Amino acid sequence: MKKEIRSAPRGVIWDLDGTILDTAEAHYLSWQESLKPYGVELSHETFRADFGGNNLRTLTKWLGEVPSAGLLAEIADKKESLFRANIRNHTHLFPGALVWLNYFKKAGIPQALASSAPQENITASLDTFKLWPYFQKVVSGEKRPSKPDPATFLEAARQLGIPPINCLVIEDSEPGLLGAHNAGMPVICKLGTVRQAPDYTLATFENYPRDPATFLARILK
C-alpha cells in the first residue's frame, strides 16, 4: 500500500544498485565468471530474470541444488571480488542521478545510502564515482536481514536522526519498495527491475532534467 508523502522530506534514503548506478552488466559478468568452474553457463536472459534476488535463492536456482554454506560463501566471495574489479569499466551512473543528488544536497536535506550490498562494494562504487560528499550516512545491509525487511532503512533513519515517516526512500526493486513500506517510509520507485509499482513512479531521473522539484510538488500532499 502506498505511503503518502504529506510534506517535504526531512531526509532522503537512497538505494544504490539499479537506482543511482546501473550495475547490471558488472554483476552479470562477475556471476558468469564465478559460475564457470561449476559447469554453469549463465545467460543474460537467466540473469535478468533473477537479478535482484539474494545469493542463496539465485544460486540454488542456477546450481540446481541448495549450496552448502561453504560453497555459497566461496562463490559469493569470488563474485563480489570480480564485481569490484568490473565497476570502473562496466558500471555507469544513471543519467540525471547527480542532478537529484545535488538538488537535495543544495536544499540542505540530509541523504543516506541504504544498500544491501557488502560494504566493500559500496565503498568501491562511491570511490569510483566520487559520491561520498552526497551522503551523511552509508549503511550496508549485508549483515542485516535482507529487504523487504526494513532493518537497513530503519538503521539509515536512525543514523540520520530523522523519524522514518519523514524519510523519503528512492528505490528500484520490489524488495526495496516493500522494505520501505515496512519501515513506514514513503517511497519513489525509479522504474528498473520493477516495471510497474503502486507507488510514486519515475521512469527516469531525466524526466525532470533540472531538478526534482516539479516531481516532488506533484506528489506532496
N, C-alpha and C. Protein backbone atom coordinates (compact mmCIF):
# COMPACT_ATOMS: atom_id res chain seq x y z
N MET A 1 0.85 -1.20 0.00
CA MET A 1 0.00 0.00 0.00
C MET A 1 0.88 1.24 0.00
N LYS A 2 0.53 2.21 -0.80
CA LYS A 2 1.33 3.41 -0.93
C LYS A 2 1.31 4.22 0.36
N LYS A 3 2.52 4.66 0.79
CA LYS A 3 2.65 5.55 1.93
C LYS A 3 2.64 6.97 1.42
N GLU A 4 1.65 7.77 1.82
CA GLU A 4 1.52 9.10 1.28
C GLU A 4 2.65 10.02 1.75
N ILE A 5 3.10 10.89 0.85
CA ILE A 5 4.05 11.93 1.20
C ILE A 5 3.24 13.16 1.57
N ARG A 6 3.24 13.52 2.83
CA ARG A 6 2.38 14.60 3.32
C ARG A 6 3.10 15.94 3.41
N SER A 7 4.42 15.92 3.42
CA SER A 7 5.19 17.16 3.49
C SER A 7 6.57 16.91 2.91
N ALA A 8 7.30 17.99 2.70
CA ALA A 8 8.65 17.85 2.16
C ALA A 8 9.48 16.94 3.06
N PRO A 9 10.25 16.02 2.49
CA PRO A 9 11.02 15.09 3.33
C PRO A 9 12.09 15.82 4.13
N ARG A 10 12.33 15.33 5.34
CA ARG A 10 13.43 15.85 6.15
C ARG A 10 14.72 15.11 5.87
N GLY A 11 14.60 13.92 5.29
CA GLY A 11 15.76 13.13 4.91
C GLY A 11 15.43 12.27 3.71
N VAL A 12 16.44 11.91 2.93
CA VAL A 12 16.26 11.05 1.76
C VAL A 12 17.18 9.85 1.90
N ILE A 13 16.63 8.67 1.68
CA ILE A 13 17.40 7.43 1.77
C ILE A 13 17.40 6.76 0.41
N TRP A 14 18.59 6.58 -0.13
CA TRP A 14 18.76 6.03 -1.47
C TRP A 14 19.19 4.57 -1.43
N ASP A 15 18.67 3.81 -2.37
CA ASP A 15 19.28 2.54 -2.76
C ASP A 15 20.43 2.87 -3.72
N LEU A 16 21.32 1.91 -3.98
CA LEU A 16 22.47 2.17 -4.84
C LEU A 16 22.37 1.44 -6.18
N ASP A 17 22.51 0.11 -6.17
CA ASP A 17 22.48 -0.67 -7.41
C ASP A 17 21.09 -0.60 -8.05
N GLY A 18 21.06 -0.19 -9.31
CA GLY A 18 19.80 -0.12 -10.02
C GLY A 18 19.04 1.17 -9.82
N THR A 19 19.48 1.97 -8.86
CA THR A 19 18.83 3.24 -8.58
C THR A 19 19.73 4.40 -8.97
N ILE A 20 20.90 4.48 -8.35
CA ILE A 20 21.88 5.51 -8.71
C ILE A 20 22.82 4.98 -9.80
N LEU A 21 23.24 3.75 -9.65
CA LEU A 21 24.21 3.15 -10.59
C LEU A 21 23.59 2.00 -11.36
N ASP A 22 23.86 1.96 -12.65
CA ASP A 22 23.48 0.83 -13.49
C ASP A 22 24.61 -0.19 -13.40
N THR A 23 24.42 -1.18 -12.55
CA THR A 23 25.47 -2.16 -12.28
C THR A 23 25.15 -3.52 -12.89
N ALA A 24 24.09 -3.62 -13.66
CA ALA A 24 23.62 -4.93 -14.13
C ALA A 24 24.70 -5.68 -14.90
N GLU A 25 25.38 -5.01 -15.84
CA GLU A 25 26.38 -5.71 -16.65
C GLU A 25 27.56 -6.16 -15.80
N ALA A 26 27.99 -5.33 -14.85
CA ALA A 26 29.09 -5.73 -13.97
C ALA A 26 28.71 -6.94 -13.13
N HIS A 27 27.48 -6.97 -12.65
CA HIS A 27 27.03 -8.14 -11.88
C HIS A 27 26.95 -9.37 -12.77
N TYR A 28 26.42 -9.21 -13.97
CA TYR A 28 26.29 -10.35 -14.87
C TYR A 28 27.66 -10.96 -15.19
N LEU A 29 28.60 -10.14 -15.60
CA LEU A 29 29.93 -10.64 -15.95
C LEU A 29 30.60 -11.31 -14.76
N SER A 30 30.38 -10.77 -13.58
CA SER A 30 31.00 -11.33 -12.37
C SER A 30 30.39 -12.68 -12.01
N TRP A 31 29.07 -12.79 -12.09
CA TRP A 31 28.43 -14.07 -11.83
C TRP A 31 28.81 -15.10 -12.89
N GLN A 32 28.83 -14.67 -14.13
CA GLN A 32 29.16 -15.59 -15.22
C GLN A 32 30.54 -16.22 -15.01
N GLU A 33 31.52 -15.41 -14.69
CA GLU A 33 32.89 -15.92 -14.47
C GLU A 33 32.97 -16.78 -13.22
N SER A 34 32.25 -16.40 -12.17
CA SER A 34 32.30 -17.15 -10.92
C SER A 34 31.68 -18.54 -11.03
N LEU A 35 30.69 -18.68 -11.92
CA LEU A 35 29.96 -19.94 -12.03
C LEU A 35 30.58 -20.93 -13.02
N LYS A 36 31.48 -20.46 -13.87
CA LYS A 36 32.07 -21.35 -14.88
C LYS A 36 32.72 -22.59 -14.28
N PRO A 37 33.48 -22.47 -13.17
CA PRO A 37 34.10 -23.69 -12.61
C PRO A 37 33.11 -24.74 -12.14
N TYR A 38 31.84 -24.34 -12.00
CA TYR A 38 30.81 -25.27 -11.51
C TYR A 38 29.91 -25.76 -12.64
N GLY A 39 30.35 -25.52 -13.88
CA GLY A 39 29.63 -26.02 -15.03
C GLY A 39 28.36 -25.27 -15.36
N VAL A 40 28.24 -24.04 -14.87
CA VAL A 40 27.03 -23.25 -15.14
C VAL A 40 27.37 -22.18 -16.17
N GLU A 41 26.64 -22.20 -17.29
CA GLU A 41 26.77 -21.16 -18.31
C GLU A 41 25.59 -20.21 -18.14
N LEU A 42 25.84 -19.08 -17.54
CA LEU A 42 24.77 -18.15 -17.20
C LEU A 42 24.46 -17.24 -18.38
N SER A 43 23.23 -17.30 -18.87
CA SER A 43 22.83 -16.45 -19.98
C SER A 43 22.33 -15.11 -19.46
N HIS A 44 22.32 -14.11 -20.34
CA HIS A 44 21.75 -12.82 -19.99
C HIS A 44 20.29 -12.96 -19.57
N GLU A 45 19.56 -13.81 -20.28
CA GLU A 45 18.13 -13.96 -20.01
C GLU A 45 17.89 -14.53 -18.62
N THR A 46 18.65 -15.57 -18.26
CA THR A 46 18.51 -16.16 -16.93
C THR A 46 18.90 -15.17 -15.86
N PHE A 47 20.00 -14.47 -16.09
CA PHE A 47 20.46 -13.48 -15.12
C PHE A 47 19.41 -12.39 -14.91
N ARG A 48 18.88 -11.84 -15.99
CA ARG A 48 17.90 -10.75 -15.87
C ARG A 48 16.65 -11.22 -15.14
N ALA A 49 16.25 -12.46 -15.34
CA ALA A 49 15.05 -12.97 -14.69
C ALA A 49 15.21 -13.05 -13.18
N ASP A 50 16.45 -13.23 -12.72
CA ASP A 50 16.69 -13.43 -11.29
C ASP A 50 17.44 -12.27 -10.64
N PHE A 51 17.76 -11.24 -11.43
CA PHE A 51 18.55 -10.11 -10.91
C PHE A 51 17.80 -9.43 -9.78
N GLY A 52 18.51 -9.21 -8.67
CA GLY A 52 17.90 -8.56 -7.51
C GLY A 52 17.57 -9.53 -6.40
N GLY A 53 17.62 -10.84 -6.68
CA GLY A 53 17.38 -11.82 -5.64
C GLY A 53 18.61 -11.99 -4.77
N ASN A 54 18.41 -12.59 -3.58
CA ASN A 54 19.59 -12.79 -2.73
C ASN A 54 20.40 -13.98 -3.23
N ASN A 55 21.64 -14.07 -2.77
CA ASN A 55 22.58 -15.06 -3.29
C ASN A 55 22.11 -16.50 -3.10
N LEU A 56 21.54 -16.80 -1.94
CA LEU A 56 21.10 -18.17 -1.70
C LEU A 56 20.01 -18.58 -2.67
N ARG A 57 19.05 -17.71 -2.87
CA ARG A 57 17.93 -18.04 -3.76
C ARG A 57 18.39 -18.20 -5.20
N THR A 58 19.20 -17.26 -5.68
CA THR A 58 19.62 -17.32 -7.08
C THR A 58 20.60 -18.47 -7.32
N LEU A 59 21.53 -18.70 -6.40
CA LEU A 59 22.48 -19.79 -6.60
C LEU A 59 21.80 -21.15 -6.53
N THR A 60 20.79 -21.29 -5.69
CA THR A 60 20.04 -22.55 -5.64
C THR A 60 19.42 -22.84 -6.99
N LYS A 61 18.88 -21.81 -7.62
CA LYS A 61 18.26 -21.99 -8.93
C LYS A 61 19.31 -22.28 -10.00
N TRP A 62 20.41 -21.53 -10.00
CA TRP A 62 21.41 -21.68 -11.05
C TRP A 62 22.21 -22.97 -10.92
N LEU A 63 22.46 -23.40 -9.69
CA LEU A 63 23.22 -24.64 -9.48
C LEU A 63 22.34 -25.89 -9.54
N GLY A 64 21.03 -25.69 -9.37
CA GLY A 64 20.11 -26.82 -9.38
C GLY A 64 20.02 -27.53 -8.06
N GLU A 65 20.61 -26.98 -7.02
CA GLU A 65 20.55 -27.55 -5.68
C GLU A 65 20.91 -26.48 -4.66
N VAL A 66 20.53 -26.71 -3.42
CA VAL A 66 20.85 -25.75 -2.38
C VAL A 66 22.34 -25.87 -2.04
N PRO A 67 23.11 -24.80 -2.20
CA PRO A 67 24.54 -24.90 -1.91
C PRO A 67 24.80 -24.94 -0.40
N SER A 68 25.86 -25.63 -0.02
CA SER A 68 26.26 -25.61 1.39
C SER A 68 26.70 -24.20 1.76
N ALA A 69 26.79 -23.95 3.04
CA ALA A 69 27.22 -22.63 3.50
C ALA A 69 28.61 -22.30 2.97
N GLY A 70 29.47 -23.32 2.95
CA GLY A 70 30.83 -23.10 2.47
C GLY A 70 30.88 -22.77 0.99
N LEU A 71 30.11 -23.52 0.20
CA LEU A 71 30.07 -23.28 -1.25
C LEU A 71 29.44 -21.92 -1.55
N LEU A 72 28.38 -21.59 -0.83
CA LEU A 72 27.73 -20.29 -1.02
C LEU A 72 28.72 -19.16 -0.78
N ALA A 73 29.48 -19.27 0.32
CA ALA A 73 30.44 -18.22 0.64
C ALA A 73 31.57 -18.17 -0.38
N GLU A 74 32.01 -19.33 -0.85
CA GLU A 74 33.11 -19.39 -1.82
C GLU A 74 32.72 -18.71 -3.13
N ILE A 75 31.55 -19.05 -3.66
CA ILE A 75 31.12 -18.46 -4.93
C ILE A 75 30.82 -16.97 -4.75
N ALA A 76 30.12 -16.64 -3.68
CA ALA A 76 29.75 -15.24 -3.46
C ALA A 76 30.98 -14.36 -3.27
N ASP A 77 31.97 -14.84 -2.54
CA ASP A 77 33.19 -14.05 -2.32
C ASP A 77 33.92 -13.80 -3.64
N LYS A 78 34.00 -14.85 -4.47
CA LYS A 78 34.65 -14.71 -5.77
C LYS A 78 33.88 -13.72 -6.64
N LYS A 79 32.56 -13.85 -6.63
CA LYS A 79 31.74 -12.96 -7.45
C LYS A 79 31.90 -11.50 -7.01
N GLU A 80 31.88 -11.24 -5.71
CA GLU A 80 31.97 -9.85 -5.24
C GLU A 80 33.34 -9.26 -5.54
N SER A 81 34.38 -10.07 -5.46
CA SER A 81 35.72 -9.60 -5.82
C SER A 81 35.78 -9.21 -7.29
N LEU A 82 35.21 -10.05 -8.15
CA LEU A 82 35.17 -9.74 -9.58
C LEU A 82 34.31 -8.51 -9.85
N PHE A 83 33.21 -8.39 -9.12
CA PHE A 83 32.34 -7.23 -9.31
C PHE A 83 33.10 -5.93 -9.04
N ARG A 84 33.85 -5.90 -7.95
CA ARG A 84 34.59 -4.68 -7.63
C ARG A 84 35.61 -4.34 -8.72
N ALA A 85 36.18 -5.38 -9.33
CA ALA A 85 37.12 -5.16 -10.43
C ALA A 85 36.41 -4.67 -11.69
N ASN A 86 35.13 -5.00 -11.82
CA ASN A 86 34.37 -4.65 -13.03
C ASN A 86 33.66 -3.29 -12.93
N ILE A 87 33.67 -2.69 -11.75
CA ILE A 87 32.89 -1.46 -11.57
C ILE A 87 33.30 -0.36 -12.54
N ARG A 88 34.58 -0.12 -12.64
CA ARG A 88 35.03 1.04 -13.43
C ARG A 88 34.65 0.92 -14.90
N ASN A 89 34.78 -0.25 -15.49
CA ASN A 89 34.56 -0.39 -16.93
C ASN A 89 33.17 -0.86 -17.31
N HIS A 90 32.39 -1.36 -16.36
CA HIS A 90 31.09 -1.94 -16.71
C HIS A 90 29.93 -1.40 -15.88
N THR A 91 30.13 -0.25 -15.26
CA THR A 91 29.09 0.38 -14.46
C THR A 91 29.03 1.86 -14.81
N HIS A 92 27.84 2.44 -14.76
CA HIS A 92 27.73 3.89 -15.00
C HIS A 92 26.59 4.47 -14.19
N LEU A 93 26.68 5.77 -13.94
CA LEU A 93 25.61 6.49 -13.28
C LEU A 93 24.40 6.58 -14.20
N PHE A 94 23.22 6.40 -13.65
CA PHE A 94 22.03 6.64 -14.45
C PHE A 94 21.95 8.13 -14.78
N PRO A 95 21.67 8.46 -16.02
CA PRO A 95 21.57 9.87 -16.39
C PRO A 95 20.57 10.62 -15.50
N GLY A 96 21.00 11.75 -15.01
CA GLY A 96 20.14 12.58 -14.17
C GLY A 96 20.26 12.31 -12.68
N ALA A 97 20.90 11.21 -12.30
CA ALA A 97 21.00 10.87 -10.87
C ALA A 97 21.75 11.96 -10.09
N LEU A 98 22.82 12.48 -10.68
CA LEU A 98 23.58 13.52 -10.00
C LEU A 98 22.76 14.80 -9.82
N VAL A 99 21.87 15.07 -10.75
CA VAL A 99 21.00 16.25 -10.62
C VAL A 99 20.15 16.13 -9.36
N TRP A 100 19.58 14.95 -9.15
CA TRP A 100 18.74 14.73 -7.97
C TRP A 100 19.57 14.76 -6.69
N LEU A 101 20.72 14.13 -6.71
CA LEU A 101 21.59 14.15 -5.53
C LEU A 101 21.99 15.58 -5.18
N ASN A 102 22.33 16.35 -6.20
CA ASN A 102 22.72 17.75 -5.97
C ASN A 102 21.55 18.59 -5.48
N TYR A 103 20.37 18.30 -5.98
CA TYR A 103 19.18 19.05 -5.56
C TYR A 103 18.98 18.93 -4.05
N PHE A 104 18.98 17.70 -3.55
CA PHE A 104 18.76 17.50 -2.11
C PHE A 104 19.93 18.07 -1.30
N LYS A 105 21.15 17.94 -1.82
CA LYS A 105 22.31 18.48 -1.12
C LYS A 105 22.19 20.00 -0.99
N LYS A 106 21.87 20.67 -2.08
CA LYS A 106 21.76 22.14 -2.06
C LYS A 106 20.59 22.60 -1.21
N ALA A 107 19.55 21.77 -1.12
CA ALA A 107 18.38 22.10 -0.30
C ALA A 107 18.65 21.87 1.19
N GLY A 108 19.81 21.29 1.51
CA GLY A 108 20.15 21.03 2.90
C GLY A 108 19.40 19.86 3.51
N ILE A 109 18.92 18.95 2.65
CA ILE A 109 18.21 17.76 3.13
C ILE A 109 19.21 16.62 3.25
N PRO A 110 19.44 16.10 4.46
CA PRO A 110 20.42 15.03 4.64
C PRO A 110 20.06 13.80 3.81
N GLN A 111 21.09 13.15 3.27
CA GLN A 111 20.89 11.96 2.47
C GLN A 111 21.70 10.79 3.04
N ALA A 112 21.10 9.62 2.99
CA ALA A 112 21.77 8.40 3.41
C ALA A 112 21.68 7.37 2.30
N LEU A 113 22.62 6.45 2.30
CA LEU A 113 22.60 5.32 1.38
C LEU A 113 22.26 4.08 2.19
N ALA A 114 21.29 3.31 1.72
CA ALA A 114 20.89 2.08 2.40
C ALA A 114 20.88 0.97 1.35
N SER A 115 22.01 0.30 1.22
CA SER A 115 22.19 -0.71 0.17
C SER A 115 22.35 -2.09 0.78
N SER A 116 21.83 -3.08 0.08
CA SER A 116 22.00 -4.47 0.52
C SER A 116 23.40 -5.00 0.22
N ALA A 117 24.18 -4.26 -0.55
CA ALA A 117 25.50 -4.71 -0.99
C ALA A 117 26.49 -4.78 0.17
N PRO A 118 27.52 -5.62 0.03
CA PRO A 118 28.60 -5.62 1.02
C PRO A 118 29.26 -4.25 1.09
N GLN A 119 29.78 -3.89 2.26
CA GLN A 119 30.40 -2.58 2.43
C GLN A 119 31.55 -2.36 1.45
N GLU A 120 32.30 -3.42 1.14
CA GLU A 120 33.42 -3.26 0.19
C GLU A 120 32.93 -2.83 -1.19
N ASN A 121 31.79 -3.37 -1.61
CA ASN A 121 31.22 -2.98 -2.90
C ASN A 121 30.73 -1.53 -2.87
N ILE A 122 30.08 -1.16 -1.77
CA ILE A 122 29.60 0.21 -1.63
C ILE A 122 30.78 1.18 -1.68
N THR A 123 31.81 0.87 -0.92
CA THR A 123 32.99 1.74 -0.88
C THR A 123 33.61 1.89 -2.26
N ALA A 124 33.76 0.77 -2.98
CA ALA A 124 34.36 0.81 -4.31
C ALA A 124 33.51 1.65 -5.26
N SER A 125 32.20 1.52 -5.16
CA SER A 125 31.31 2.29 -6.04
C SER A 125 31.37 3.78 -5.72
N LEU A 126 31.31 4.12 -4.45
CA LEU A 126 31.34 5.54 -4.07
C LEU A 126 32.69 6.16 -4.39
N ASP A 127 33.76 5.39 -4.23
CA ASP A 127 35.09 5.89 -4.59
C ASP A 127 35.17 6.14 -6.10
N THR A 128 34.73 5.17 -6.89
CA THR A 128 34.85 5.26 -8.35
C THR A 128 34.10 6.46 -8.90
N PHE A 129 32.90 6.69 -8.39
CA PHE A 129 32.05 7.76 -8.94
C PHE A 129 32.04 9.03 -8.08
N LYS A 130 32.92 9.04 -7.06
CA LYS A 130 33.10 10.25 -6.22
C LYS A 130 31.76 10.72 -5.63
N LEU A 131 31.05 9.77 -5.01
CA LEU A 131 29.72 10.06 -4.49
C LEU A 131 29.68 10.31 -2.97
N TRP A 132 30.79 10.14 -2.30
CA TRP A 132 30.80 10.29 -0.84
C TRP A 132 30.22 11.62 -0.36
N PRO A 133 30.52 12.76 -1.03
CA PRO A 133 30.04 14.05 -0.49
C PRO A 133 28.53 14.19 -0.41
N TYR A 134 27.80 13.32 -1.09
CA TYR A 134 26.34 13.45 -1.09
C TYR A 134 25.68 12.81 0.13
N PHE A 135 26.40 11.93 0.83
CA PHE A 135 25.76 11.13 1.86
C PHE A 135 26.32 11.42 3.24
N GLN A 136 25.41 11.73 4.15
CA GLN A 136 25.81 11.91 5.55
C GLN A 136 26.03 10.56 6.23
N LYS A 137 25.28 9.55 5.79
CA LYS A 137 25.39 8.22 6.38
C LYS A 137 25.34 7.18 5.26
N VAL A 138 26.07 6.08 5.45
CA VAL A 138 26.09 4.97 4.50
C VAL A 138 25.89 3.68 5.28
N VAL A 139 24.86 2.92 4.93
CA VAL A 139 24.51 1.71 5.65
C VAL A 139 24.50 0.52 4.70
N SER A 140 25.26 -0.50 5.05
CA SER A 140 25.23 -1.76 4.29
C SER A 140 24.29 -2.73 4.98
N GLY A 141 23.49 -3.42 4.19
CA GLY A 141 22.57 -4.41 4.73
C GLY A 141 23.13 -5.82 4.70
N GLU A 142 24.43 -5.96 4.38
CA GLU A 142 25.00 -7.30 4.21
C GLU A 142 24.80 -8.16 5.46
N LYS A 143 24.95 -7.60 6.64
CA LYS A 143 24.85 -8.38 7.87
C LYS A 143 23.53 -8.14 8.59
N ARG A 144 22.58 -7.58 7.86
CA ARG A 144 21.24 -7.35 8.40
C ARG A 144 20.25 -8.20 7.61
N PRO A 145 19.05 -8.40 8.15
CA PRO A 145 18.02 -9.10 7.36
C PRO A 145 17.81 -8.39 6.04
N SER A 146 17.70 -9.16 4.96
CA SER A 146 17.62 -8.56 3.63
C SER A 146 16.26 -7.92 3.38
N LYS A 147 16.24 -6.91 2.51
CA LYS A 147 14.98 -6.33 2.07
C LYS A 147 14.12 -7.45 1.48
N PRO A 148 12.84 -7.50 1.77
CA PRO A 148 11.95 -6.44 2.25
C PRO A 148 11.91 -6.21 3.75
N ASP A 149 12.78 -6.86 4.53
CA ASP A 149 12.87 -6.49 5.94
C ASP A 149 13.30 -5.02 6.00
N PRO A 150 12.73 -4.24 6.90
CA PRO A 150 13.03 -2.80 6.93
C PRO A 150 14.31 -2.43 7.67
N ALA A 151 15.07 -3.42 8.15
CA ALA A 151 16.18 -3.13 9.06
C ALA A 151 17.17 -2.12 8.50
N THR A 152 17.55 -2.26 7.23
CA THR A 152 18.56 -1.37 6.66
C THR A 152 18.04 0.06 6.56
N PHE A 153 16.79 0.22 6.13
CA PHE A 153 16.20 1.55 6.06
C PHE A 153 16.05 2.18 7.44
N LEU A 154 15.62 1.40 8.41
CA LEU A 154 15.44 1.93 9.75
C LEU A 154 16.77 2.34 10.37
N GLU A 155 17.82 1.59 10.08
CA GLU A 155 19.14 1.96 10.59
C GLU A 155 19.62 3.25 9.95
N ALA A 156 19.35 3.42 8.66
CA ALA A 156 19.73 4.67 7.99
C ALA A 156 19.00 5.86 8.61
N ALA A 157 17.70 5.70 8.87
CA ALA A 157 16.93 6.78 9.50
C ALA A 157 17.46 7.07 10.90
N ARG A 158 17.79 6.01 11.64
CA ARG A 158 18.32 6.19 12.99
C ARG A 158 19.63 6.98 12.95
N GLN A 159 20.51 6.62 12.01
CA GLN A 159 21.79 7.32 11.93
C GLN A 159 21.61 8.77 11.50
N LEU A 160 20.62 9.04 10.65
CA LEU A 160 20.33 10.42 10.27
C LEU A 160 19.69 11.20 11.42
N GLY A 161 19.08 10.47 12.35
CA GLY A 161 18.39 11.13 13.44
C GLY A 161 17.05 11.71 13.02
N ILE A 162 16.41 11.06 12.04
CA ILE A 162 15.14 11.55 11.49
C ILE A 162 14.09 10.43 11.61
N PRO A 163 12.88 10.74 12.08
CA PRO A 163 11.84 9.70 12.16
C PRO A 163 11.59 9.06 10.80
N PRO A 164 11.37 7.76 10.76
CA PRO A 164 11.16 7.08 9.48
C PRO A 164 10.08 7.71 8.61
N ILE A 165 8.99 8.17 9.21
CA ILE A 165 7.89 8.73 8.42
C ILE A 165 8.31 10.00 7.68
N ASN A 166 9.39 10.65 8.13
CA ASN A 166 9.88 11.87 7.49
C ASN A 166 11.02 11.61 6.52
N CYS A 167 11.31 10.33 6.25
CA CYS A 167 12.37 9.96 5.32
C CYS A 167 11.74 9.47 4.01
N LEU A 168 12.21 10.00 2.92
CA LEU A 168 11.76 9.58 1.59
C LEU A 168 12.77 8.58 1.02
N VAL A 169 12.30 7.41 0.62
CA VAL A 169 13.16 6.39 0.03
C VAL A 169 13.08 6.47 -1.49
N ILE A 170 14.22 6.30 -2.16
CA ILE A 170 14.25 6.18 -3.62
C ILE A 170 14.82 4.81 -3.95
N GLU A 171 14.04 3.97 -4.59
CA GLU A 171 14.36 2.56 -4.83
C GLU A 171 14.01 2.17 -6.26
N ASP A 172 14.42 0.94 -6.64
CA ASP A 172 14.07 0.43 -7.97
C ASP A 172 13.55 -0.99 -7.94
N SER A 173 13.61 -1.67 -6.80
CA SER A 173 13.26 -3.10 -6.77
C SER A 173 12.05 -3.36 -5.90
N GLU A 174 11.39 -4.49 -6.16
CA GLU A 174 10.23 -4.85 -5.35
C GLU A 174 10.60 -5.08 -3.88
N PRO A 175 11.69 -5.83 -3.58
CA PRO A 175 12.06 -5.96 -2.16
C PRO A 175 12.34 -4.61 -1.50
N GLY A 176 12.96 -3.69 -2.26
CA GLY A 176 13.23 -2.37 -1.71
C GLY A 176 11.97 -1.58 -1.43
N LEU A 177 11.00 -1.65 -2.37
CA LEU A 177 9.73 -0.97 -2.15
C LEU A 177 9.01 -1.51 -0.92
N LEU A 178 8.98 -2.83 -0.81
CA LEU A 178 8.31 -3.44 0.34
C LEU A 178 9.05 -3.12 1.63
N GLY A 179 10.38 -3.08 1.56
CA GLY A 179 11.17 -2.73 2.74
C GLY A 179 10.87 -1.32 3.22
N ALA A 180 10.72 -0.40 2.27
CA ALA A 180 10.38 0.98 2.63
C ALA A 180 8.98 1.02 3.25
N HIS A 181 8.03 0.31 2.65
CA HIS A 181 6.69 0.24 3.23
C HIS A 181 6.75 -0.29 4.66
N ASN A 182 7.51 -1.36 4.85
CA ASN A 182 7.60 -1.98 6.17
C ASN A 182 8.27 -1.07 7.19
N ALA A 183 9.09 -0.13 6.70
CA ALA A 183 9.72 0.85 7.59
C ALA A 183 8.82 2.04 7.86
N GLY A 184 7.66 2.09 7.19
CA GLY A 184 6.75 3.22 7.35
C GLY A 184 7.21 4.46 6.62
N MET A 185 7.97 4.27 5.53
CA MET A 185 8.53 5.38 4.79
C MET A 185 7.88 5.52 3.42
N PRO A 186 7.59 6.73 2.97
CA PRO A 186 7.13 6.92 1.59
C PRO A 186 8.27 6.61 0.63
N VAL A 187 7.93 6.17 -0.57
CA VAL A 187 8.96 5.71 -1.49
C VAL A 187 8.65 6.13 -2.92
N ILE A 188 9.70 6.59 -3.60
CA ILE A 188 9.64 6.83 -5.04
C ILE A 188 10.28 5.63 -5.72
N CYS A 189 9.59 5.06 -6.69
CA CYS A 189 10.13 3.93 -7.44
C CYS A 189 10.67 4.43 -8.78
N LYS A 190 12.00 4.37 -8.94
CA LYS A 190 12.59 4.61 -10.24
C LYS A 190 12.47 3.29 -11.01
N LEU A 191 11.68 3.26 -12.03
CA LEU A 191 11.38 2.00 -12.70
C LEU A 191 12.65 1.35 -13.22
N GLY A 192 12.84 0.09 -12.86
CA GLY A 192 14.03 -0.65 -13.27
C GLY A 192 13.70 -2.12 -13.26
N THR A 193 14.12 -2.83 -12.19
CA THR A 193 13.74 -4.24 -12.09
C THR A 193 12.24 -4.36 -11.85
N VAL A 194 11.62 -3.31 -11.30
CA VAL A 194 10.17 -3.23 -11.20
C VAL A 194 9.67 -2.39 -12.36
N ARG A 195 8.77 -2.92 -13.15
CA ARG A 195 8.25 -2.22 -14.32
C ARG A 195 7.01 -1.39 -14.00
N GLN A 196 6.29 -1.79 -12.98
CA GLN A 196 5.13 -1.04 -12.53
C GLN A 196 5.11 -1.12 -11.02
N ALA A 197 4.68 -0.04 -10.38
CA ALA A 197 4.63 -0.04 -8.92
C ALA A 197 3.45 0.80 -8.45
N PRO A 198 2.84 0.41 -7.33
CA PRO A 198 1.71 1.17 -6.82
C PRO A 198 2.17 2.35 -5.97
N ASP A 199 3.31 2.90 -6.32
CA ASP A 199 3.90 3.99 -5.56
C ASP A 199 4.11 5.18 -6.48
N TYR A 200 4.84 6.16 -6.00
CA TYR A 200 5.18 7.30 -6.82
C TYR A 200 6.26 6.85 -7.79
N THR A 201 5.94 6.77 -9.07
CA THR A 201 6.86 6.17 -10.03
C THR A 201 7.52 7.22 -10.90
N LEU A 202 8.76 6.93 -11.22
CA LEU A 202 9.59 7.82 -12.02
C LEU A 202 10.25 6.95 -13.08
N ALA A 203 9.99 7.23 -14.35
CA ALA A 203 10.57 6.40 -15.41
C ALA A 203 12.08 6.55 -15.42
N THR A 204 12.55 7.78 -15.46
CA THR A 204 13.99 8.07 -15.39
C THR A 204 14.17 9.40 -14.68
N PHE A 205 15.35 9.61 -14.12
CA PHE A 205 15.64 10.90 -13.50
C PHE A 205 15.60 12.02 -14.54
N GLU A 206 15.86 11.66 -15.78
CA GLU A 206 15.90 12.67 -16.84
C GLU A 206 14.52 13.21 -17.20
N ASN A 207 13.46 12.59 -16.67
CA ASN A 207 12.13 13.17 -16.88
C ASN A 207 12.05 14.58 -16.29
N TYR A 208 12.91 14.83 -15.30
CA TYR A 208 12.94 16.13 -14.63
C TYR A 208 14.39 16.62 -14.68
N PRO A 209 14.82 17.14 -15.85
CA PRO A 209 16.24 17.36 -16.11
C PRO A 209 16.91 18.44 -15.27
N ARG A 210 16.12 19.40 -14.76
CA ARG A 210 16.77 20.46 -13.99
C ARG A 210 16.86 20.12 -12.50
N ASP A 211 15.79 19.66 -11.94
CA ASP A 211 15.79 19.21 -10.55
C ASP A 211 14.47 18.48 -10.30
N PRO A 212 14.35 17.78 -9.16
CA PRO A 212 13.13 17.01 -8.90
C PRO A 212 12.01 17.84 -8.29
N ALA A 213 12.16 19.16 -8.22
CA ALA A 213 11.17 19.98 -7.53
C ALA A 213 9.77 19.81 -8.12
N THR A 214 9.67 19.76 -9.45
CA THR A 214 8.37 19.63 -10.10
C THR A 214 7.73 18.30 -9.75
N PHE A 215 8.53 17.24 -9.77
CA PHE A 215 8.01 15.92 -9.43
C PHE A 215 7.55 15.89 -7.98
N LEU A 216 8.36 16.41 -7.07
CA LEU A 216 8.02 16.39 -5.65
C LEU A 216 6.77 17.23 -5.38
N ALA A 217 6.66 18.38 -6.06
CA ALA A 217 5.49 19.22 -5.87
C ALA A 217 4.22 18.50 -6.29
N ARG A 218 4.33 17.65 -7.31
CA ARG A 218 3.17 16.93 -7.82
C ARG A 218 2.69 15.87 -6.84
N ILE A 219 3.61 15.27 -6.08
CA ILE A 219 3.22 14.16 -5.22
C ILE A 219 3.05 14.56 -3.75
N LEU A 220 3.53 15.73 -3.37
CA LEU A 220 3.36 16.16 -1.99
C LEU A 220 1.89 16.41 -1.71
N LYS A 221 1.46 15.98 -0.57
CA LYS A 221 0.04 16.10 -0.19
C LYS A 221 -0.16 17.30 0.71
